[in-house]
Amino acid sequence: MEKHRIPKTGEIIYQDKDILSFSLDSVLLDEFASKKGILGDIGSGTGFFSLRGANNPRVKEVHAFEILRKAQNCLEKSIEANGLEGKVVLHKGDIKEQKIPSHFFDTLITNPPFYLESLKGEKEGVNQGKHLEFMEDWFSPIGKWLKPFGKLYIVFPVDHLPQLFVILQKNHLEPKRIRFVHKKQKAPAFRVLLECVRLGKPYLKIEDPLFLYDEKGEYTWEVKNLYE
């Protein structure tokens, strides 16, 4: 387990080399999201969104949900190191088994595991079918936890966006704001940042595209600003 500092903040975060650390995807989504009230961090990993949210004056309390023991250990250590006991609550285990009241959260944020390890190497059709089943399991419970007109923020791969929209709307989560992420200009989008509103009316705002790298292969000014 190693201690790191979260970019642009003084928060300490503990990471484990055997599990995924927070990524640029997480940094981009955190900047995109407007967090307030009671915040739920779904699939929190080592707790990047939870730690950032806990230091947001608009956030009252944070609930982190994580199934992996090593990630839980990292987050527990980070909570203690940052003095956030009482503001960040860790829920251990599968989200389908959590006893959370309906309409509990004002804001939810998630960077879901796009492709499970068990799906690698399988035929594309089988992979997509299992991925769709996974998305149903992921978004069905959290759709019930969000307050009416509460907001959900997601970072997701572009190639599964149609299936995601179907599942979100099935769970009364209406996509309202979207931003496509490109590695560079003239390259196709590979990620989307998405804001959804529970029981929102159908209306989708498409924001300016976000480019990660310039013609020299360096981070664009917008991405640099997230780290400096």
C-alpha atoms as a PDB file:
ATOM      1  CA  MET A   1       0.000   0.000   0.000  1.00  0.00           C
ATOM      2  CA  GLU A   2       1.407   3.393  -0.996  1.00  0.00           C
ATOM      3  CA  LYS A   3       0.483   6.947   0.043  1.00  0.00           C
ATOM      4  CA  HIS A   4      -0.185   9.572  -2.651  1.00  0.00           C
ATOM      5  CA  ARG A   5      -1.608  13.086  -2.897  1.00  0.00           C
ATOM      6  CA  ILE A   6      -4.724  13.789  -4.934  1.00  0.00           C
ATOM      7  CA  PRO A   7      -4.008  16.373  -7.690  1.00  0.00           C
ATOM      8  CA  LYS A   8      -4.713  20.031  -6.814  1.00  0.00           C
ATOM      9  CA  THR A   9      -5.665  19.147  -3.236  1.00  0.00           C
ATOM     10  CA  GLY A  10      -3.964  18.235   0.003  1.00  0.00           C
ATOM     11  CA  GLU A  11      -5.902  15.002   0.454  1.00  0.00           C
ATOM     12  CA  ILE A  12      -3.987  11.791   1.066  1.00  0.00           C
ATOM     13  CA  ILE A  13      -5.076   8.679  -0.813  1.00  0.00           C
ATOM     14  CA  TYR A  14      -3.716   5.191  -0.276  1.00  0.00           C
ATOM     15  CA  GLN A  15      -3.336   2.938  -3.318  1.00  0.00           C
ATOM     16  CA  ASP A  16      -2.510  -0.751  -3.715  1.00  0.00           C
ATOM     17  CA  LYS A  17      -0.469  -1.957  -6.684  1.00  0.00           C
ATOM     18  CA  ASP A  18      -2.698  -5.037  -6.994  1.00  0.00           C
ATOM     19  CA  ILE A  19      -5.839  -2.984  -7.761  1.00  0.00           C
ATOM     20  CA  LEU A  20      -6.617  -0.128 -10.119  1.00  0.00           C
ATOM     21  CA  SER A  21      -5.601   3.338  -8.970  1.00  0.00           C
ATOM     22  CA  PHE A  22      -7.664   6.406  -9.803  1.00  0.00           C
ATOM     23  CA  SER A  23      -7.213   7.380 -13.443  1.00  0.00           C
ATOM     24  CA  LEU A  24      -7.605  10.362 -15.745  1.00  0.00           C
ATOM     25  CA  ASP A  25     -11.185   9.159 -16.296  1.00  0.00           C
ATOM     26  CA  SER A  26     -11.845   9.759 -12.602  1.00  0.00           C
ATOM     27  CA  VAL A  27     -10.228  13.201 -12.646  1.00  0.00           C
ATOM     28  CA  LEU A  28     -12.300  14.232 -15.673  1.00  0.00           C
ATOM     29  CA  LEU A  29     -15.567  12.989 -14.174  1.00  0.00           C
ATOM     30  CA  ASP A  30     -14.918  14.672 -10.838  1.00  0.00           C
ATOM     31  CA  GLU A  31     -14.422  17.991 -12.634  1.00  0.00           C
ATOM     32  CA  PHE A  32     -17.560  17.433 -14.734  1.00  0.00           C
ATOM     33  CA  ALA A  33     -19.790  16.567 -11.762  1.00  0.00           C
ATOM     34  CA  SER A  34     -21.683  19.040  -9.613  1.00  0.00           C
ATOM     35  CA  LYS A  35     -21.833  17.366  -6.200  1.00  0.00           C
ATOM     36  CA  LYS A  36     -24.019  18.408  -3.279  1.00  0.00           C
ATOM     37  CA  GLY A  37     -26.012  17.091  -0.326  1.00  0.00           C
ATOM     38  CA  ILE A  38     -25.660  13.387   0.408  1.00  0.00           C
ATOM     39  CA  LEU A  39     -23.203  11.891  -2.080  1.00  0.00           C
ATOM     40  CA  GLY A  40     -22.943   8.235  -3.075  1.00  0.00           C
ATOM     41  CA  ASP A  41     -19.712   6.930  -4.624  1.00  0.00           C
ATOM     42  CA  ILE A  42     -20.660   3.689  -6.398  1.00  0.00           C
ATOM     43  CA  GLY A  43     -17.782   1.262  -6.915  1.00  0.00           C
ATOM     44  CA  SER A  44     -15.524   3.627  -5.022  1.00  0.00           C
ATOM     45  CA  GLY A  45     -12.267   1.740  -5.467  1.00  0.00           C
ATOM     46  CA  THR A  46      -9.656   3.414  -3.274  1.00  0.00           C
ATOM     47  CA  GLY A  47     -11.964   6.386  -2.775  1.00  0.00           C
ATOM     48  CA  PHE A  48     -10.969   9.206  -5.123  1.00  0.00           C
ATOM     49  CA  PHE A  49     -14.536  10.569  -5.496  1.00  0.00           C
ATOM     50  CA  SER A  50     -15.309  10.026  -1.810  1.00  0.00           C
ATOM     51  CA  LEU A  51     -12.254  11.922  -0.605  1.00  0.00           C
ATOM     52  CA  ARG A  52     -12.780  14.786  -3.045  1.00  0.00           C
ATOM     53  CA  GLY A  53     -16.481  14.927  -2.211  1.00  0.00           C
ATOM     54  CA  ALA A  54     -15.891  14.957   1.544  1.00  0.00           C
ATOM     55  CA  ASN A  55     -13.884  18.182   1.194  1.00  0.00           C
ATOM     56  CA  ASN A  56     -16.538  19.876  -0.930  1.00  0.00           C
ATOM     57  CA  PRO A  57     -18.449  22.401   1.242  1.00  0.00           C
ATOM     58  CA  ARG A  58     -21.667  21.625  -0.674  1.00  0.00           C
ATOM     59  CA  VAL A  59     -21.502  17.936   0.290  1.00  0.00           C
ATOM     60  CA  LYS A  60     -23.077  17.000   3.622  1.00  0.00           C
ATOM     61  CA  GLU A  61     -21.896  13.380   3.864  1.00  0.00           C
ATOM     62  CA  VAL A  62     -20.430  10.668   1.635  1.00  0.00           C
ATOM     63  CA  HIS A  63     -21.295   6.982   1.288  1.00  0.00           C
ATOM     64  CA  ALA A  64     -18.741   4.831  -0.532  1.00  0.00           C
ATOM     65  CA  PHE A  65     -19.673   1.402  -1.922  1.00  0.00           C
ATOM     66  CA  GLU A  66     -16.912  -1.090  -2.661  1.00  0.00           C
ATOM     67  CA  ILE A  67     -16.768  -4.874  -2.955  1.00  0.00           C
ATOM     68  CA  LEU A  68     -12.989  -5.494  -3.090  1.00  0.00           C
ATOM     69  CA  ARG A  69     -11.280  -6.020   0.268  1.00  0.00           C
ATOM     70  CA  LYS A  70      -7.951  -4.422  -0.734  1.00  0.00           C
ATOM     71  CA  ALA A  71      -9.740  -1.305  -2.008  1.00  0.00           C
ATOM     72  CA  GLN A  72     -11.747  -1.139   1.202  1.00  0.00           C
ATOM     73  CA  ASN A  73      -8.541  -1.298   3.236  1.00  0.00           C
ATOM     74  CA  CYS A  74      -7.045   1.572   1.236  1.00  0.00           C
ATOM     75  CA  LEU A  75     -10.117   3.739   1.667  1.00  0.00           C
ATOM     76  CA  GLU A  76     -10.343   3.065   5.392  1.00  0.00           C
ATOM     77  CA  LYS A  77      -6.729   4.154   5.787  1.00  0.00           C
ATOM     78  CA  SER A  78      -7.346   7.270   3.662  1.00  0.00           C
ATOM     79  CA  ILE A  79     -10.408   8.214   5.722  1.00  0.00           C
ATOM     80  CA  GLU A  80      -8.329   8.025   8.895  1.00  0.00           C
ATOM     81  CA  ALA A  81      -5.366   9.898   7.382  1.00  0.00           C
ATOM     82  CA  ASN A  82      -7.601  12.776   6.263  1.00  0.00           C
ATOM     83  CA  GLY A  83      -9.624  12.925   9.477  1.00  0.00           C
ATOM     84  CA  LEU A  84     -12.870  12.131   7.673  1.00  0.00           C
ATOM     85  CA  GLU A  85     -14.350   9.667  10.158  1.00  0.00           C
ATOM     86  CA  GLY A  86     -18.033  10.483  10.479  1.00  0.00           C
ATOM     87  CA  LYS A  87     -18.250  12.185   7.081  1.00  0.00           C
ATOM     88  CA  VAL A  88     -17.330   9.222   4.852  1.00  0.00           C
ATOM     89  CA  VAL A  89     -19.193   5.953   5.434  1.00  0.00           C
ATOM     90  CA  LEU A  90     -17.868   2.808   3.740  1.00  0.00           C
ATOM     91  CA  HIS A  91     -20.405   0.161   2.664  1.00  0.00           C
ATOM     92  CA  LYS A  92     -18.736  -3.189   1.994  1.00  0.00           C
ATOM     93  CA  GLY A  93     -20.014  -5.834  -0.392  1.00  0.00           C
ATOM     94  CA  ASP A  94     -22.161  -6.114  -3.518  1.00  0.00           C
ATOM     95  CA  ILE A  95     -24.343  -3.070  -4.230  1.00  0.00           C
ATOM     96  CA  LYS A  96     -27.315  -5.390  -4.898  1.00  0.00           C
ATOM     97  CA  GLU A  97     -27.187  -6.471  -1.250  1.00  0.00           C
ATOM     98  CA  GLN A  98     -27.006  -3.002   0.308  1.00  0.00           C
ATOM     99  CA  LYS A  99     -29.944  -1.854   2.443  1.00  0.00           C
ATOM    100  CA  ILE A 100     -30.214   1.770   1.328  1.00  0.00           C
ATOM    101  CA  PRO A 101     -33.533   3.647   1.641  1.00  0.00           C
ATOM    102  CA  SER A 102     -35.192   4.758  -1.576  1.00  0.00           C
ATOM    103  CA  HIS A 103     -34.635   8.402  -2.531  1.00  0.00           C
ATOM    104  CA  PHE A 104     -31.705   8.748  -0.110  1.00  0.00           C
ATOM    105  CA  PHE A 105     -29.023  10.439  -2.239  1.00  0.00           C
ATOM    106  CA  ASP A 106     -28.876  13.919  -3.737  1.00  0.00           C
ATOM    107  CA  THR A 107     -25.912  13.014  -5.955  1.00  0.00           C
ATOM    108  CA  LEU A 108     -24.416   9.753  -7.205  1.00  0.00           C
ATOM    109  CA  ILE A 109     -21.128   9.350  -9.042  1.00  0.00           C
ATOM    110  CA  THR A 110     -19.624   6.244 -10.618  1.00  0.00           C
ATOM    111  CA  ASN A 111     -16.731   5.114 -12.768  1.00  0.00           C
ATOM    112  CA  PRO A 112     -17.950   1.537 -13.288  1.00  0.00           C
ATOM    113  CA  PRO A 113     -15.618  -1.308 -14.280  1.00  0.00           C
ATOM    114  CA  PHE A 114     -16.321  -1.253 -18.018  1.00  0.00           C
ATOM    115  CA  TYR A 115     -14.924  -4.659 -18.895  1.00  0.00           C
ATOM    116  CA  LEU A 116     -14.766  -7.414 -16.331  1.00  0.00           C
ATOM    117  CA  GLU A 117     -11.675  -9.624 -16.227  1.00  0.00           C
ATOM    118  CA  SER A 118     -13.824 -12.718 -16.806  1.00  0.00           C
ATOM    119  CA  LEU A 119     -15.055 -11.367 -20.151  1.00  0.00           C
ATOM    120  CA  LYS A 120     -11.640 -11.015 -21.780  1.00  0.00           C
ATOM    121  CA  GLY A 121     -10.965 -13.252 -24.759  1.00  0.00           C
ATOM    122  CA  GLU A 122     -14.598 -14.093 -25.436  1.00  0.00           C
ATOM    123  CA  LYS A 123     -16.428 -13.531 -28.686  1.00  0.00           C
ATOM    124  CA  GLU A 124     -17.744 -10.015 -29.159  1.00  0.00           C
ATOM    125  CA  GLY A 125     -21.430 -10.995 -29.093  1.00  0.00           C
ATOM    126  CA  VAL A 126     -21.044 -12.963 -25.873  1.00  0.00           C
ATOM    127  CA  ASN A 127     -19.010 -10.150 -24.363  1.00  0.00           C
ATOM    128  CA  GLN A 128     -21.683  -7.541 -25.168  1.00  0.00           C
ATOM    129  CA  GLY A 129     -24.472  -9.706 -23.790  1.00  0.00           C
ATOM    130  CA  LYS A 130     -22.730 -10.234 -20.477  1.00  0.00           C
ATOM    131  CA  HIS A 131     -21.726  -6.578 -20.347  1.00  0.00           C
ATOM    132  CA  LEU A 132     -25.375  -5.593 -20.753  1.00  0.00           C
ATOM    133  CA  GLU A 133     -26.362  -7.948 -17.921  1.00  0.00           C
ATOM    134  CA  PHE A 134     -23.674  -6.384 -15.737  1.00  0.00           C
ATOM    135  CA  MET A 135     -24.982  -2.867 -16.463  1.00  0.00           C
ATOM    136  CA  GLU A 136     -28.498  -3.918 -15.420  1.00  0.00           C
ATOM    137  CA  ASP A 137     -27.138  -5.141 -12.085  1.00  0.00           C
ATOM    138  CA  TRP A 138     -25.119  -1.963 -11.609  1.00  0.00           C
ATOM    139  CA  PHE A 139     -27.710   0.705 -12.388  1.00  0.00           C
ATOM    140  CA  SER A 140     -30.953  -0.901 -11.202  1.00  0.00           C
ATOM    141  CA  PRO A 141     -30.343  -0.484  -7.439  1.00  0.00           C
ATOM    142  CA  ILE A 142     -28.759   2.956  -7.649  1.00  0.00           C
ATOM    143  CA  GLY A 143     -31.680   4.218  -9.707  1.00  0.00           C
ATOM    144  CA  LYS A 144     -33.891   3.633  -6.672  1.00  0.00           C
ATOM    145  CA  TRP A 145     -31.514   5.319  -4.252  1.00  0.00           C
ATOM    146  CA  LEU A 146     -31.483   8.711  -5.970  1.00  0.00           C
ATOM    147  CA  LYS A 147     -33.949  11.409  -4.920  1.00  0.00           C
ATOM    148  CA  PRO A 148     -36.407  12.753  -7.515  1.00  0.00           C
ATOM    149  CA  PHE A 149     -34.439  15.259  -9.625  1.00  0.00           C
ATOM    150  CA  GLY A 150     -31.213  14.122  -7.993  1.00  0.00           C
ATOM    151  CA  LYS A 151     -28.209  13.757 -10.308  1.00  0.00           C
ATOM    152  CA  LEU A 152     -26.091  10.811 -11.400  1.00  0.00           C
ATOM    153  CA  TYR A 153     -22.656  11.271 -13.000  1.00  0.00           C
ATOM    154  CA  ILE A 154     -20.991   8.562 -15.092  1.00  0.00           C
ATOM    155  CA  VAL A 155     -17.872   8.105 -17.205  1.00  0.00           C
ATOM    156  CA  PHE A 156     -18.368   5.363 -19.786  1.00  0.00           C
ATOM    157  CA  PRO A 157     -16.961   3.977 -23.057  1.00  0.00           C
ATOM    158  CA  VAL A 158     -18.602   5.327 -26.192  1.00  0.00           C
ATOM    159  CA  ASP A 159     -19.140   1.922 -27.803  1.00  0.00           C
ATOM    160  CA  HIS A 160     -21.653   0.870 -25.119  1.00  0.00           C
ATOM    161  CA  LEU A 161     -23.528   4.181 -24.991  1.00  0.00           C
ATOM    162  CA  PRO A 162     -26.734   2.922 -26.719  1.00  0.00           C
ATOM    163  CA  GLN A 163     -27.163   0.073 -24.210  1.00  0.00           C
ATOM    164  CA  LEU A 164     -26.419   2.442 -21.345  1.00  0.00           C
ATOM    165  CA  PHE A 165     -29.119   4.909 -22.409  1.00  0.00           C
ATOM    166  CA  VAL A 166     -31.715   2.125 -22.563  1.00  0.00           C
ATOM    167  CA  ILE A 167     -30.869   0.915 -19.059  1.00  0.00           C
ATOM    168  CA  LEU A 168     -30.748   4.410 -17.593  1.00  0.00           C
ATOM    169  CA  GLN A 169     -34.150   5.368 -18.948  1.00  0.00           C
ATOM    170  CA  LYS A 170     -35.575   2.035 -17.802  1.00  0.00           C
ATOM    171  CA  ASN A 171     -34.540   3.058 -14.282  1.00  0.00           C
ATOM    172  CA  HIS A 172     -36.009   6.590 -14.615  1.00  0.00           C
ATOM    173  CA  LEU A 173     -32.570   8.184 -15.057  1.00  0.00           C
ATOM    174  CA  GLU A 174     -32.799  10.675 -17.901  1.00  0.00           C
ATOM    175  CA  PRO A 175     -29.540  11.708 -19.646  1.00  0.00           C
ATOM    176  CA  LYS A 176     -29.422  15.513 -19.567  1.00  0.00           C
ATOM    177  CA  ARG A 177     -25.827  16.587 -20.261  1.00  0.00           C
ATOM    178  CA  ILE A 178     -23.063  14.817 -22.161  1.00  0.00           C
ATOM    179  CA  ARG A 179     -19.477  15.558 -23.096  1.00  0.00           C
ATOM    180  CA  PHE A 180     -17.474  13.403 -25.493  1.00  0.00           C
ATOM    181  CA  VAL A 181     -13.807  12.774 -24.687  1.00  0.00           C
ATOM    182  CA  HIS A 182     -11.254  12.374 -27.503  1.00  0.00           C
ATOM    183  CA  LYS A 183      -7.588  11.453 -27.219  1.00  0.00           C
ATOM    184  CA  LYS A 184      -6.768  14.152 -29.783  1.00  0.00           C
ATOM    185  CA  GLN A 185      -8.425  16.301 -32.440  1.00  0.00           C
ATOM    186  CA  LYS A 186      -9.798  14.346 -35.416  1.00  0.00           C
ATOM    187  CA  ALA A 187      -9.700  11.139 -33.351  1.00  0.00           C
ATOM    188  CA  PRO A 188     -13.049   9.492 -32.562  1.00  0.00           C
ATOM    189  CA  ALA A 189     -14.483   9.859 -29.085  1.00  0.00           C
ATOM    190  CA  PHE A 190     -13.660   6.974 -26.762  1.00  0.00           C
ATOM    191  CA  ARG A 191     -15.285   8.092 -23.489  1.00  0.00           C
ATOM    192  CA  VAL A 192     -18.338  10.092 -22.474  1.00  0.00           C
ATOM    193  CA  LEU A 193     -19.009  12.126 -19.359  1.00  0.00           C
ATOM    194  CA  LEU A 194     -22.726  11.955 -18.604  1.00  0.00           C
ATOM    195  CA  GLU A 195     -25.093  13.732 -16.232  1.00  0.00           C
ATOM    196  CA  CYS A 196     -28.494  12.129 -15.606  1.00  0.00           C
ATOM    197  CA  VAL A 197     -31.472  13.387 -13.621  1.00  0.00           C
ATOM    198  CA  ARG A 198     -33.908  11.045 -11.919  1.00  0.00           C
ATOM    199  CA  LEU A 199     -37.413  11.673 -13.323  1.00  0.00           C
ATOM    200  CA  GLY A 200     -36.019  14.421 -15.553  1.00  0.00           C
ATOM    201  CA  LYS A 201     -37.760  15.394 -18.777  1.00  0.00           C
ATOM    202  CA  PRO A 202     -36.195  14.250 -22.066  1.00  0.00           C
ATOM    203  CA  TYR A 203     -33.714  16.903 -23.142  1.00  0.00           C
ATOM    204  CA  LEU A 204     -30.026  16.341 -23.843  1.00  0.00           C
ATOM    205  CA  LYS A 205     -27.371  19.070 -23.954  1.00  0.00           C
ATOM    206  CA  ILE A 206     -24.194  18.160 -25.837  1.00  0.00           C
ATOM    207  CA  GLU A 207     -21.206  20.121 -24.550  1.00  0.00           C
ATOM    208  CA  ASP A 208     -18.018  21.000 -26.430  1.00  0.00           C
ATOM    209  CA  PRO A 209     -15.726  18.003 -26.958  1.00  0.00           C
ATOM    210  CA  LEU A 210     -12.817  17.456 -24.600  1.00  0.00           C
ATOM    211  CA  PHE A 211      -9.413  16.684 -26.174  1.00  0.00           C
ATOM    212  CA  LEU A 212      -6.733  15.076 -23.993  1.00  0.00           C
ATOM    213  CA  TYR A 213      -3.602  15.594 -26.108  1.00  0.00           C
ATOM    214  CA  ASP A 214      -2.377  18.307 -28.462  1.00  0.00           C
ATOM    215  CA  GLU A 215      -0.446  17.880 -31.729  1.00  0.00           C
ATOM    216  CA  LYS A 216       2.801  17.468 -29.746  1.00  0.00           C
ATOM    217  CA  GLY A 217       1.374  14.570 -27.753  1.00  0.00           C
ATOM    218  CA  GLU A 218       1.216  16.616 -24.555  1.00  0.00           C
ATOM    219  CA  TYR A 219      -1.819  17.198 -22.367  1.00  0.00           C
ATOM    220  CA  THR A 220      -4.030  20.054 -23.573  1.00  0.00           C
ATOM    221  CA  TRP A 221      -4.291  23.149 -21.392  1.00  0.00           C
ATOM    222  CA  GLU A 222      -7.643  22.005 -20.061  1.00  0.00           C
ATOM    223  CA  VAL A 223      -6.275  18.667 -18.847  1.00  0.00           C
ATOM    224  CA  LYS A 224      -3.103  20.255 -17.465  1.00  0.00           C
ATOM    225  CA  ASN A 225      -5.259  22.603 -15.424  1.00  0.00           C
ATOM    226  CA  LEU A 226      -6.791  19.610 -13.641  1.00  0.00           C
ATOM    227  CA  TYR A 227      -3.401  18.593 -12.267  1.00  0.00           C
ATOM    228  CA  GLU A 228      -1.599  21.903 -11.699  1.00  0.00           C
END
